[in-house]
């Protein structure tokens, strides 16, 4: 299933600190778990499944599954900044894989960029943007493995279509 994860939820099935978890938003009998994670303060497309093999396939680095984000960053990144993201930036745990980075629009004090990454390191998008000098103030995953968020409102979910599941299994 696809959930539009709102801010303020943990990408887990339980939390020792008793914070809300994404499965609290679901009304299904079957036990499902999130594929990968989105930070507590991030929102957007999160796939949940009961298929461990599919989950591993979607998060294993060797499959380079794309995840597309709409990211609000401080100031306006230059073409050179975006090019650094496209080539890969150096982080404390190594260089990132090349990302697809596009400028979307400028607001009064910030900018929106679209960033597509194919790896799933902890807080990756935030760290990449910080590395080019543009801290993240908002992060929304628009797409996971080609499954688009579409018109789902925050907190809403839908079952994946058989065609979507088949495509995910074929990745």
N, C-alpha and C. Protein backbone atom coordinates (compact mmCIF):
# COMPACT_ATOMS: atom_id res chain seq x y z
N UNK A 1 0.83 -1.17 0.00
CA UNK A 1 0.00 0.00 0.00
C UNK A 1 0.87 1.23 0.00
N UNK A 2 0.27 2.36 -0.41
CA UNK A 2 0.96 3.64 -0.46
C UNK A 2 0.30 4.57 0.54
N UNK A 3 1.11 5.16 1.40
CA UNK A 3 0.64 6.11 2.41
C UNK A 3 1.27 7.46 2.14
N UNK A 4 0.48 8.52 2.28
CA UNK A 4 1.05 9.87 2.30
C UNK A 4 1.34 10.17 3.77
N UNK A 5 2.57 9.88 4.18
CA UNK A 5 2.95 10.04 5.58
C UNK A 5 2.96 11.52 5.96
N UNK A 6 2.20 11.86 7.00
CA UNK A 6 2.27 13.24 7.48
C UNK A 6 3.47 13.44 8.42
N UNK A 7 3.83 14.69 8.66
CA UNK A 7 4.85 14.98 9.66
C UNK A 7 4.34 14.51 11.01
N UNK A 8 5.27 14.21 11.90
CA UNK A 8 4.88 13.84 13.25
C UNK A 8 4.59 12.37 13.46
N UNK A 9 4.95 11.54 12.48
CA UNK A 9 4.78 10.09 12.61
C UNK A 9 6.12 9.42 12.38
N UNK A 10 6.35 8.35 13.11
CA UNK A 10 7.57 7.55 12.96
C UNK A 10 7.31 6.46 11.92
N UNK A 11 8.28 6.23 11.04
CA UNK A 11 8.17 5.17 10.03
C UNK A 11 8.52 3.83 10.67
N UNK A 12 7.58 3.33 11.47
CA UNK A 12 7.77 2.08 12.19
C UNK A 12 6.41 1.51 12.56
N UNK A 13 6.40 0.30 13.12
CA UNK A 13 5.15 -0.30 13.58
C UNK A 13 4.96 -0.11 15.08
N UNK A 14 6.02 0.28 15.79
CA UNK A 14 5.95 0.57 17.22
C UNK A 14 7.07 1.53 17.57
N UNK A 15 6.88 2.28 18.66
CA UNK A 15 7.90 3.22 19.10
C UNK A 15 8.02 3.15 20.62
N UNK A 16 9.23 2.89 21.13
CA UNK A 16 9.40 2.80 22.58
C UNK A 16 9.09 4.11 23.31
N UNK A 17 9.16 5.23 22.58
CA UNK A 17 8.86 6.52 23.19
C UNK A 17 7.38 6.88 23.08
N UNK A 18 6.59 5.94 22.53
CA UNK A 18 5.13 6.09 22.41
C UNK A 18 4.71 7.23 21.47
N UNK A 19 5.58 7.58 20.51
CA UNK A 19 5.20 8.57 19.49
C UNK A 19 4.29 7.88 18.47
N UNK A 20 3.48 8.64 17.76
CA UNK A 20 2.62 8.03 16.74
C UNK A 20 3.45 7.35 15.66
N UNK A 21 2.98 6.19 15.20
CA UNK A 21 3.66 5.45 14.13
C UNK A 21 2.75 5.39 12.91
N UNK A 22 3.33 5.18 11.75
CA UNK A 22 2.56 5.21 10.50
C UNK A 22 1.45 4.18 10.46
N UNK A 23 1.64 3.04 11.10
CA UNK A 23 0.59 2.02 11.06
C UNK A 23 -0.65 2.45 11.86
N UNK A 24 -0.53 3.46 12.70
CA UNK A 24 -1.71 4.01 13.40
C UNK A 24 -2.71 4.60 12.41
N UNK A 25 -2.22 4.98 11.23
CA UNK A 25 -3.07 5.64 10.23
C UNK A 25 -3.85 4.65 9.36
N UNK A 26 -3.50 3.37 9.45
CA UNK A 26 -4.08 2.37 8.57
C UNK A 26 -5.26 1.66 9.23
N UNK A 27 -6.18 1.28 8.41
CA UNK A 27 -7.31 0.48 8.88
C UNK A 27 -7.33 -0.82 8.09
N UNK A 28 -6.34 -1.66 8.38
CA UNK A 28 -6.24 -2.96 7.73
C UNK A 28 -5.97 -4.01 8.79
N UNK A 29 -6.44 -5.21 8.52
CA UNK A 29 -6.26 -6.30 9.49
C UNK A 29 -4.88 -6.92 9.38
N UNK A 30 -4.37 -6.97 8.17
CA UNK A 30 -3.08 -7.61 7.95
C UNK A 30 -1.95 -6.76 8.52
N UNK A 31 -0.93 -7.44 9.06
CA UNK A 31 0.22 -6.72 9.61
C UNK A 31 1.13 -6.31 8.45
N UNK A 32 1.38 -5.02 8.35
CA UNK A 32 2.28 -4.49 7.32
C UNK A 32 3.35 -3.65 8.01
N UNK A 33 4.43 -3.41 7.27
CA UNK A 33 5.53 -2.62 7.81
C UNK A 33 6.04 -1.67 6.72
N UNK A 34 6.61 -0.54 7.13
CA UNK A 34 7.11 0.42 6.14
C UNK A 34 8.35 -0.09 5.41
N UNK A 35 8.43 0.25 4.14
CA UNK A 35 9.61 -0.05 3.32
C UNK A 35 10.53 1.17 3.43
N UNK A 36 11.64 1.00 4.10
CA UNK A 36 12.53 2.13 4.34
C UNK A 36 11.90 3.06 5.36
N UNK A 37 12.32 4.32 5.33
CA UNK A 37 11.78 5.25 6.29
C UNK A 37 11.78 6.67 5.77
N UNK A 38 10.93 7.46 6.38
CA UNK A 38 10.92 8.91 6.20
C UNK A 38 11.07 9.49 7.60
N UNK A 39 11.88 10.52 7.75
CA UNK A 39 12.10 11.13 9.06
C UNK A 39 10.79 11.61 9.67
N UNK A 40 10.80 11.76 10.98
CA UNK A 40 9.66 12.23 11.77
C UNK A 40 9.09 13.54 11.20
N UNK A 41 9.99 14.45 10.77
CA UNK A 41 9.55 15.76 10.28
C UNK A 41 9.37 15.81 8.76
N UNK A 42 9.52 14.67 8.09
CA UNK A 42 9.32 14.61 6.64
C UNK A 42 7.94 14.03 6.35
N UNK A 43 7.50 14.26 5.12
CA UNK A 43 6.19 13.75 4.72
C UNK A 43 6.29 13.16 3.33
N UNK A 44 5.22 12.46 2.93
CA UNK A 44 5.16 11.99 1.56
C UNK A 44 5.02 10.49 1.40
N UNK A 45 5.38 10.04 0.20
CA UNK A 45 5.14 8.67 -0.25
C UNK A 45 5.94 7.66 0.57
N UNK A 46 5.19 6.75 1.20
CA UNK A 46 5.78 5.66 1.96
C UNK A 46 5.03 4.38 1.58
N UNK A 47 5.78 3.39 1.13
CA UNK A 47 5.17 2.11 0.78
C UNK A 47 5.21 1.22 2.02
N UNK A 48 4.10 0.52 2.26
CA UNK A 48 4.02 -0.46 3.34
C UNK A 48 3.65 -1.80 2.73
N UNK A 49 4.20 -2.87 3.29
CA UNK A 49 3.97 -4.19 2.72
C UNK A 49 4.06 -5.26 3.80
N UNK A 50 3.64 -6.46 3.47
CA UNK A 50 3.87 -7.62 4.32
C UNK A 50 4.82 -8.59 3.62
N UNK A 51 5.40 -8.15 2.51
CA UNK A 51 6.29 -8.98 1.69
C UNK A 51 7.75 -8.59 1.96
N UNK A 52 8.42 -9.38 2.80
CA UNK A 52 9.80 -9.08 3.17
C UNK A 52 10.76 -9.08 2.00
N UNK A 53 10.55 -9.99 1.05
CA UNK A 53 11.42 -10.06 -0.12
C UNK A 53 11.29 -8.78 -0.97
N UNK A 54 10.06 -8.33 -1.17
CA UNK A 54 9.84 -7.10 -1.92
C UNK A 54 10.46 -5.91 -1.19
N UNK A 55 10.27 -5.84 0.10
CA UNK A 55 10.84 -4.75 0.89
C UNK A 55 12.36 -4.70 0.74
N UNK A 56 13.01 -5.85 0.88
CA UNK A 56 14.47 -5.90 0.73
C UNK A 56 14.91 -5.46 -0.65
N UNK A 57 14.16 -5.86 -1.65
CA UNK A 57 14.49 -5.49 -3.03
C UNK A 57 14.40 -3.96 -3.22
N UNK A 58 13.41 -3.34 -2.59
CA UNK A 58 13.20 -1.91 -2.75
C UNK A 58 14.20 -1.06 -1.97
N UNK A 59 14.76 -1.61 -0.91
CA UNK A 59 15.69 -0.80 -0.11
C UNK A 59 17.16 -1.18 -0.28
N UNK A 60 17.43 -2.33 -0.91
CA UNK A 60 18.83 -2.76 -1.07
C UNK A 60 19.55 -1.83 -2.05
N UNK A 61 20.73 -1.33 -1.65
CA UNK A 61 21.47 -0.36 -2.49
C UNK A 61 21.77 -0.85 -3.90
N UNK A 62 21.96 -2.16 -4.10
CA UNK A 62 22.36 -2.63 -5.43
C UNK A 62 21.28 -2.43 -6.49
N UNK A 63 20.01 -2.27 -6.06
CA UNK A 63 18.93 -2.10 -7.03
C UNK A 63 18.71 -0.63 -7.42
N UNK A 64 19.31 0.30 -6.67
CA UNK A 64 19.27 1.74 -7.01
C UNK A 64 17.85 2.21 -7.33
N UNK A 65 16.92 1.93 -6.42
CA UNK A 65 15.52 2.31 -6.59
C UNK A 65 15.38 3.83 -6.41
N UNK A 66 14.79 4.53 -7.39
CA UNK A 66 14.68 5.99 -7.30
C UNK A 66 13.60 6.45 -6.31
N UNK A 67 13.95 7.53 -5.61
CA UNK A 67 13.03 8.20 -4.69
C UNK A 67 13.10 9.69 -5.02
N UNK A 68 11.95 10.27 -5.36
CA UNK A 68 11.90 11.66 -5.79
C UNK A 68 11.32 12.53 -4.68
N UNK A 69 12.03 13.61 -4.37
CA UNK A 69 11.64 14.53 -3.30
C UNK A 69 11.44 15.94 -3.81
N UNK A 70 10.50 16.64 -3.20
CA UNK A 70 10.36 18.08 -3.37
C UNK A 70 10.94 18.67 -2.09
N UNK A 71 11.96 19.50 -2.22
CA UNK A 71 12.74 19.94 -1.07
C UNK A 71 12.78 21.48 -1.01
N UNK A 72 12.37 22.01 0.13
CA UNK A 72 12.47 23.45 0.37
C UNK A 72 13.80 23.70 1.07
N UNK A 73 14.66 24.50 0.42
CA UNK A 73 15.98 24.79 0.96
C UNK A 73 16.15 26.28 1.19
N UNK A 74 17.07 26.62 2.08
CA UNK A 74 17.36 28.03 2.36
C UNK A 74 18.10 28.65 1.17
N UNK A 75 17.75 29.89 0.87
CA UNK A 75 18.37 30.66 -0.21
C UNK A 75 18.12 30.03 -1.58
N UNK A 76 18.95 30.40 -2.55
CA UNK A 76 18.78 29.91 -3.92
C UNK A 76 20.03 29.17 -4.36
N UNK A 77 19.92 27.86 -4.58
CA UNK A 77 21.09 27.11 -5.06
C UNK A 77 21.47 27.57 -6.48
N UNK A 78 22.76 27.67 -6.71
CA UNK A 78 23.24 28.04 -8.04
C UNK A 78 23.26 26.81 -8.93
N UNK A 79 23.48 27.03 -10.22
CA UNK A 79 23.64 25.89 -11.14
C UNK A 79 24.81 25.03 -10.69
N UNK A 80 25.86 25.67 -10.17
CA UNK A 80 27.03 24.94 -9.68
C UNK A 80 26.66 24.05 -8.48
N UNK A 81 25.83 24.58 -7.58
CA UNK A 81 25.36 23.79 -6.43
C UNK A 81 24.60 22.55 -6.90
N UNK A 82 23.69 22.75 -7.84
CA UNK A 82 22.90 21.63 -8.36
C UNK A 82 23.78 20.62 -9.09
N UNK A 83 24.80 21.12 -9.77
CA UNK A 83 25.73 20.24 -10.48
C UNK A 83 26.49 19.35 -9.49
N UNK A 84 26.81 19.89 -8.32
CA UNK A 84 27.48 19.08 -7.28
C UNK A 84 26.59 17.92 -6.88
N UNK A 85 25.29 18.17 -6.72
CA UNK A 85 24.35 17.10 -6.37
C UNK A 85 24.29 16.07 -7.49
N UNK A 86 24.34 16.55 -8.72
CA UNK A 86 24.27 15.64 -9.88
C UNK A 86 25.50 14.74 -9.98
N UNK A 87 26.63 15.23 -9.51
CA UNK A 87 27.87 14.45 -9.57
C UNK A 87 28.06 13.58 -8.34
N UNK A 88 27.42 13.95 -7.24
CA UNK A 88 27.62 13.28 -5.95
C UNK A 88 28.43 14.18 -5.04
N UNK A 89 28.01 14.26 -3.79
CA UNK A 89 28.72 15.11 -2.83
C UNK A 89 29.35 14.23 -1.75
N UNK A 90 30.39 14.76 -1.13
CA UNK A 90 31.07 14.02 -0.08
C UNK A 90 30.39 14.27 1.26
N UNK A 91 30.04 13.17 1.94
CA UNK A 91 29.44 13.23 3.28
C UNK A 91 30.37 12.48 4.23
N UNK A 92 30.09 12.54 5.51
CA UNK A 92 30.95 11.88 6.49
C UNK A 92 30.99 10.36 6.32
N UNK A 93 29.99 9.78 5.66
CA UNK A 93 29.98 8.34 5.43
C UNK A 93 30.25 7.98 3.97
N UNK A 94 30.90 8.90 3.26
CA UNK A 94 31.30 8.62 1.88
C UNK A 94 30.56 9.47 0.86
N UNK A 95 31.01 9.36 -0.37
CA UNK A 95 30.42 10.14 -1.46
C UNK A 95 29.06 9.56 -1.84
N UNK A 96 28.12 10.45 -2.16
CA UNK A 96 26.79 10.00 -2.58
C UNK A 96 26.83 9.60 -4.05
N UNK A 97 25.89 8.79 -4.44
CA UNK A 97 25.71 8.49 -5.85
C UNK A 97 25.18 9.74 -6.53
N UNK A 98 25.39 9.88 -7.83
CA UNK A 98 24.82 11.03 -8.53
C UNK A 98 23.30 11.08 -8.36
N UNK A 99 22.79 12.29 -8.21
CA UNK A 99 21.35 12.50 -8.04
C UNK A 99 20.84 13.35 -9.20
N UNK A 100 19.56 13.26 -9.46
CA UNK A 100 18.94 14.14 -10.44
C UNK A 100 18.45 15.35 -9.65
N UNK A 101 18.95 16.52 -9.96
CA UNK A 101 18.61 17.74 -9.22
C UNK A 101 18.10 18.81 -10.18
N UNK A 102 16.92 19.35 -9.87
CA UNK A 102 16.31 20.39 -10.70
C UNK A 102 15.81 21.52 -9.83
N UNK A 103 16.03 22.74 -10.29
CA UNK A 103 15.48 23.91 -9.62
C UNK A 103 14.00 23.99 -9.98
N UNK A 104 13.14 24.23 -8.99
CA UNK A 104 11.70 24.31 -9.24
C UNK A 104 11.23 25.75 -9.22
N UNK A 105 11.42 26.44 -8.08
CA UNK A 105 11.02 27.84 -7.99
C UNK A 105 11.61 28.50 -6.75
N UNK A 106 11.63 29.82 -6.78
CA UNK A 106 12.14 30.61 -5.67
C UNK A 106 10.96 31.22 -4.93
N UNK A 107 11.05 31.27 -3.60
CA UNK A 107 10.09 32.02 -2.80
C UNK A 107 10.85 33.26 -2.30
N UNK A 108 10.28 34.00 -1.34
CA UNK A 108 10.97 35.20 -0.89
C UNK A 108 12.32 34.92 -0.25
N UNK A 109 12.39 33.89 0.60
CA UNK A 109 13.63 33.61 1.31
C UNK A 109 14.22 32.24 1.01
N UNK A 110 13.46 31.41 0.31
CA UNK A 110 13.87 30.03 0.10
C UNK A 110 13.69 29.64 -1.36
N UNK A 111 14.00 28.38 -1.63
CA UNK A 111 13.78 27.83 -2.97
C UNK A 111 13.28 26.40 -2.83
N UNK A 112 12.65 25.94 -3.88
CA UNK A 112 12.22 24.55 -3.96
C UNK A 112 13.05 23.88 -5.05
N UNK A 113 13.58 22.71 -4.73
CA UNK A 113 14.27 21.90 -5.73
C UNK A 113 13.64 20.52 -5.75
N UNK A 114 13.80 19.84 -6.87
CA UNK A 114 13.37 18.45 -6.98
C UNK A 114 14.64 17.62 -7.00
N UNK A 115 14.70 16.64 -6.12
CA UNK A 115 15.89 15.82 -5.99
C UNK A 115 15.50 14.34 -6.04
N UNK A 116 16.10 13.59 -6.97
CA UNK A 116 15.85 12.17 -7.07
C UNK A 116 17.14 11.44 -6.73
N UNK A 117 17.06 10.59 -5.70
CA UNK A 117 18.21 9.82 -5.25
C UNK A 117 17.94 8.33 -5.44
N UNK A 118 19.02 7.55 -5.51
CA UNK A 118 18.86 6.10 -5.71
C UNK A 118 19.53 5.30 -4.61
N UNK A 119 19.75 5.94 -3.49
CA UNK A 119 20.27 5.23 -2.32
C UNK A 119 19.45 5.68 -1.11
N UNK A 120 19.60 4.99 0.01
CA UNK A 120 18.72 5.26 1.12
C UNK A 120 19.43 5.48 2.44
N UNK A 121 20.53 6.20 2.42
CA UNK A 121 21.24 6.45 3.68
C UNK A 121 20.43 7.35 4.61
N UNK A 122 20.74 7.24 5.88
CA UNK A 122 20.04 8.00 6.91
C UNK A 122 20.13 9.51 6.66
N UNK A 123 18.99 10.17 6.61
CA UNK A 123 18.88 11.62 6.44
C UNK A 123 19.67 12.12 5.22
N UNK A 124 19.70 11.31 4.17
CA UNK A 124 20.54 11.57 3.00
C UNK A 124 20.25 12.91 2.34
N UNK A 125 18.99 13.17 2.01
CA UNK A 125 18.66 14.40 1.28
C UNK A 125 19.03 15.63 2.11
N UNK A 126 18.74 15.60 3.38
CA UNK A 126 19.08 16.73 4.26
C UNK A 126 20.58 16.95 4.32
N UNK A 127 21.34 15.86 4.41
CA UNK A 127 22.79 15.99 4.48
C UNK A 127 23.38 16.45 3.15
N UNK A 128 22.81 16.00 2.04
CA UNK A 128 23.30 16.43 0.73
C UNK A 128 23.09 17.93 0.55
N UNK A 129 21.91 18.40 0.92
CA UNK A 129 21.62 19.83 0.76
C UNK A 129 22.49 20.67 1.70
N UNK A 130 22.72 20.18 2.90
CA UNK A 130 23.59 20.88 3.83
C UNK A 130 25.01 20.95 3.27
N UNK A 131 25.44 19.88 2.60
CA UNK A 131 26.80 19.83 2.04
C UNK A 131 27.02 20.90 0.97
N UNK A 132 25.96 21.33 0.30
CA UNK A 132 26.11 22.38 -0.70
C UNK A 132 25.71 23.75 -0.14
N UNK A 133 25.48 23.82 1.18
CA UNK A 133 25.23 25.09 1.84
C UNK A 133 23.78 25.56 1.83
N UNK A 134 22.84 24.64 1.63
CA UNK A 134 21.42 25.00 1.57
C UNK A 134 20.61 24.07 2.48
N UNK A 135 20.53 24.40 3.77
CA UNK A 135 19.79 23.54 4.71
C UNK A 135 18.33 23.36 4.30
N UNK A 136 17.80 22.19 4.61
CA UNK A 136 16.43 21.83 4.27
C UNK A 136 15.47 22.34 5.35
N UNK A 137 14.38 22.97 4.92
CA UNK A 137 13.34 23.37 5.88
C UNK A 137 12.06 22.55 5.69
N UNK A 138 11.92 21.91 4.54
CA UNK A 138 10.76 21.05 4.31
C UNK A 138 11.14 19.98 3.32
N UNK A 139 10.61 18.76 3.56
CA UNK A 139 10.97 17.63 2.71
C UNK A 139 9.72 16.78 2.47
N UNK A 140 9.41 16.57 1.20
CA UNK A 140 8.25 15.75 0.85
C UNK A 140 8.66 14.78 -0.25
N UNK A 141 8.50 13.47 0.02
CA UNK A 141 8.79 12.47 -1.00
C UNK A 141 7.56 12.36 -1.90
N UNK A 142 7.76 12.65 -3.18
CA UNK A 142 6.67 12.67 -4.15
C UNK A 142 6.48 11.33 -4.85
N UNK A 143 7.56 10.54 -4.87
CA UNK A 143 7.54 9.29 -5.63
C UNK A 143 8.51 8.31 -5.01
N UNK A 144 8.11 7.05 -4.97
CA UNK A 144 9.00 5.98 -4.50
C UNK A 144 8.93 4.86 -5.54
N UNK A 145 10.06 4.56 -6.15
CA UNK A 145 10.16 3.48 -7.15
C UNK A 145 9.13 3.66 -8.26
N UNK A 146 8.88 4.90 -8.66
CA UNK A 146 7.93 5.18 -9.73
C UNK A 146 6.48 5.23 -9.29
N UNK A 147 6.20 4.94 -8.02
CA UNK A 147 4.83 5.03 -7.50
C UNK A 147 4.63 6.47 -7.01
N UNK A 148 3.74 7.19 -7.68
CA UNK A 148 3.54 8.61 -7.39
C UNK A 148 2.50 8.82 -6.29
N UNK A 149 2.75 9.84 -5.49
CA UNK A 149 1.85 10.21 -4.41
C UNK A 149 0.49 10.62 -4.95
N UNK A 150 0.50 11.31 -6.07
CA UNK A 150 -0.76 11.73 -6.69
C UNK A 150 -1.58 12.63 -5.79
N UNK A 151 -2.88 12.40 -5.72
CA UNK A 151 -3.80 13.27 -4.99
C UNK A 151 -4.03 12.83 -3.53
N UNK A 152 -3.26 11.86 -3.06
CA UNK A 152 -3.44 11.43 -1.67
C UNK A 152 -3.13 12.57 -0.71
N UNK A 153 -4.05 12.86 0.18
CA UNK A 153 -3.83 13.88 1.20
C UNK A 153 -2.98 13.29 2.32
N UNK A 154 -2.35 14.14 3.12
CA UNK A 154 -1.55 13.69 4.26
C UNK A 154 -2.41 12.79 5.15
N UNK A 155 -1.88 11.61 5.48
CA UNK A 155 -2.58 10.66 6.32
C UNK A 155 -3.45 9.67 5.56
N UNK A 156 -3.69 9.92 4.27
CA UNK A 156 -4.48 9.00 3.46
C UNK A 156 -3.59 7.91 2.87
N UNK A 157 -4.21 6.78 2.54
CA UNK A 157 -3.48 5.68 1.93
C UNK A 157 -4.37 5.00 0.91
N UNK A 158 -3.72 4.19 0.08
CA UNK A 158 -4.45 3.38 -0.90
C UNK A 158 -3.67 2.09 -1.12
N UNK A 159 -4.41 1.08 -1.55
CA UNK A 159 -3.75 -0.16 -1.94
C UNK A 159 -3.05 0.06 -3.28
N UNK A 160 -1.92 -0.59 -3.47
CA UNK A 160 -1.26 -0.57 -4.76
C UNK A 160 -2.06 -1.42 -5.73
N UNK A 161 -2.04 -1.04 -6.99
CA UNK A 161 -2.73 -1.83 -8.00
C UNK A 161 -1.91 -3.09 -8.28
N UNK A 162 -2.54 -4.15 -8.79
CA UNK A 162 -1.77 -5.34 -9.15
C UNK A 162 -0.64 -5.02 -10.14
N UNK A 163 -0.89 -4.09 -11.04
CA UNK A 163 0.13 -3.69 -12.02
C UNK A 163 1.32 -3.02 -11.32
N UNK A 164 1.05 -2.16 -10.33
CA UNK A 164 2.12 -1.51 -9.58
C UNK A 164 2.95 -2.53 -8.81
N UNK A 165 2.27 -3.47 -8.17
CA UNK A 165 2.98 -4.51 -7.41
C UNK A 165 3.85 -5.35 -8.35
N UNK A 166 3.31 -5.71 -9.48
CA UNK A 166 4.06 -6.50 -10.46
C UNK A 166 5.30 -5.74 -10.93
N UNK A 167 5.14 -4.45 -11.18
CA UNK A 167 6.28 -3.63 -11.62
C UNK A 167 7.35 -3.54 -10.52
N UNK A 168 6.92 -3.35 -9.27
CA UNK A 168 7.86 -3.27 -8.16
C UNK A 168 8.65 -4.57 -8.01
N UNK A 169 7.97 -5.68 -8.16
CA UNK A 169 8.63 -6.98 -8.04
C UNK A 169 9.61 -7.23 -9.17
N UNK A 170 9.40 -6.55 -10.29
CA UNK A 170 10.28 -6.70 -11.44
C UNK A 170 11.49 -5.79 -11.43
N UNK A 171 11.57 -4.89 -10.47
CA UNK A 171 12.70 -3.95 -10.41
C UNK A 171 14.01 -4.68 -10.19
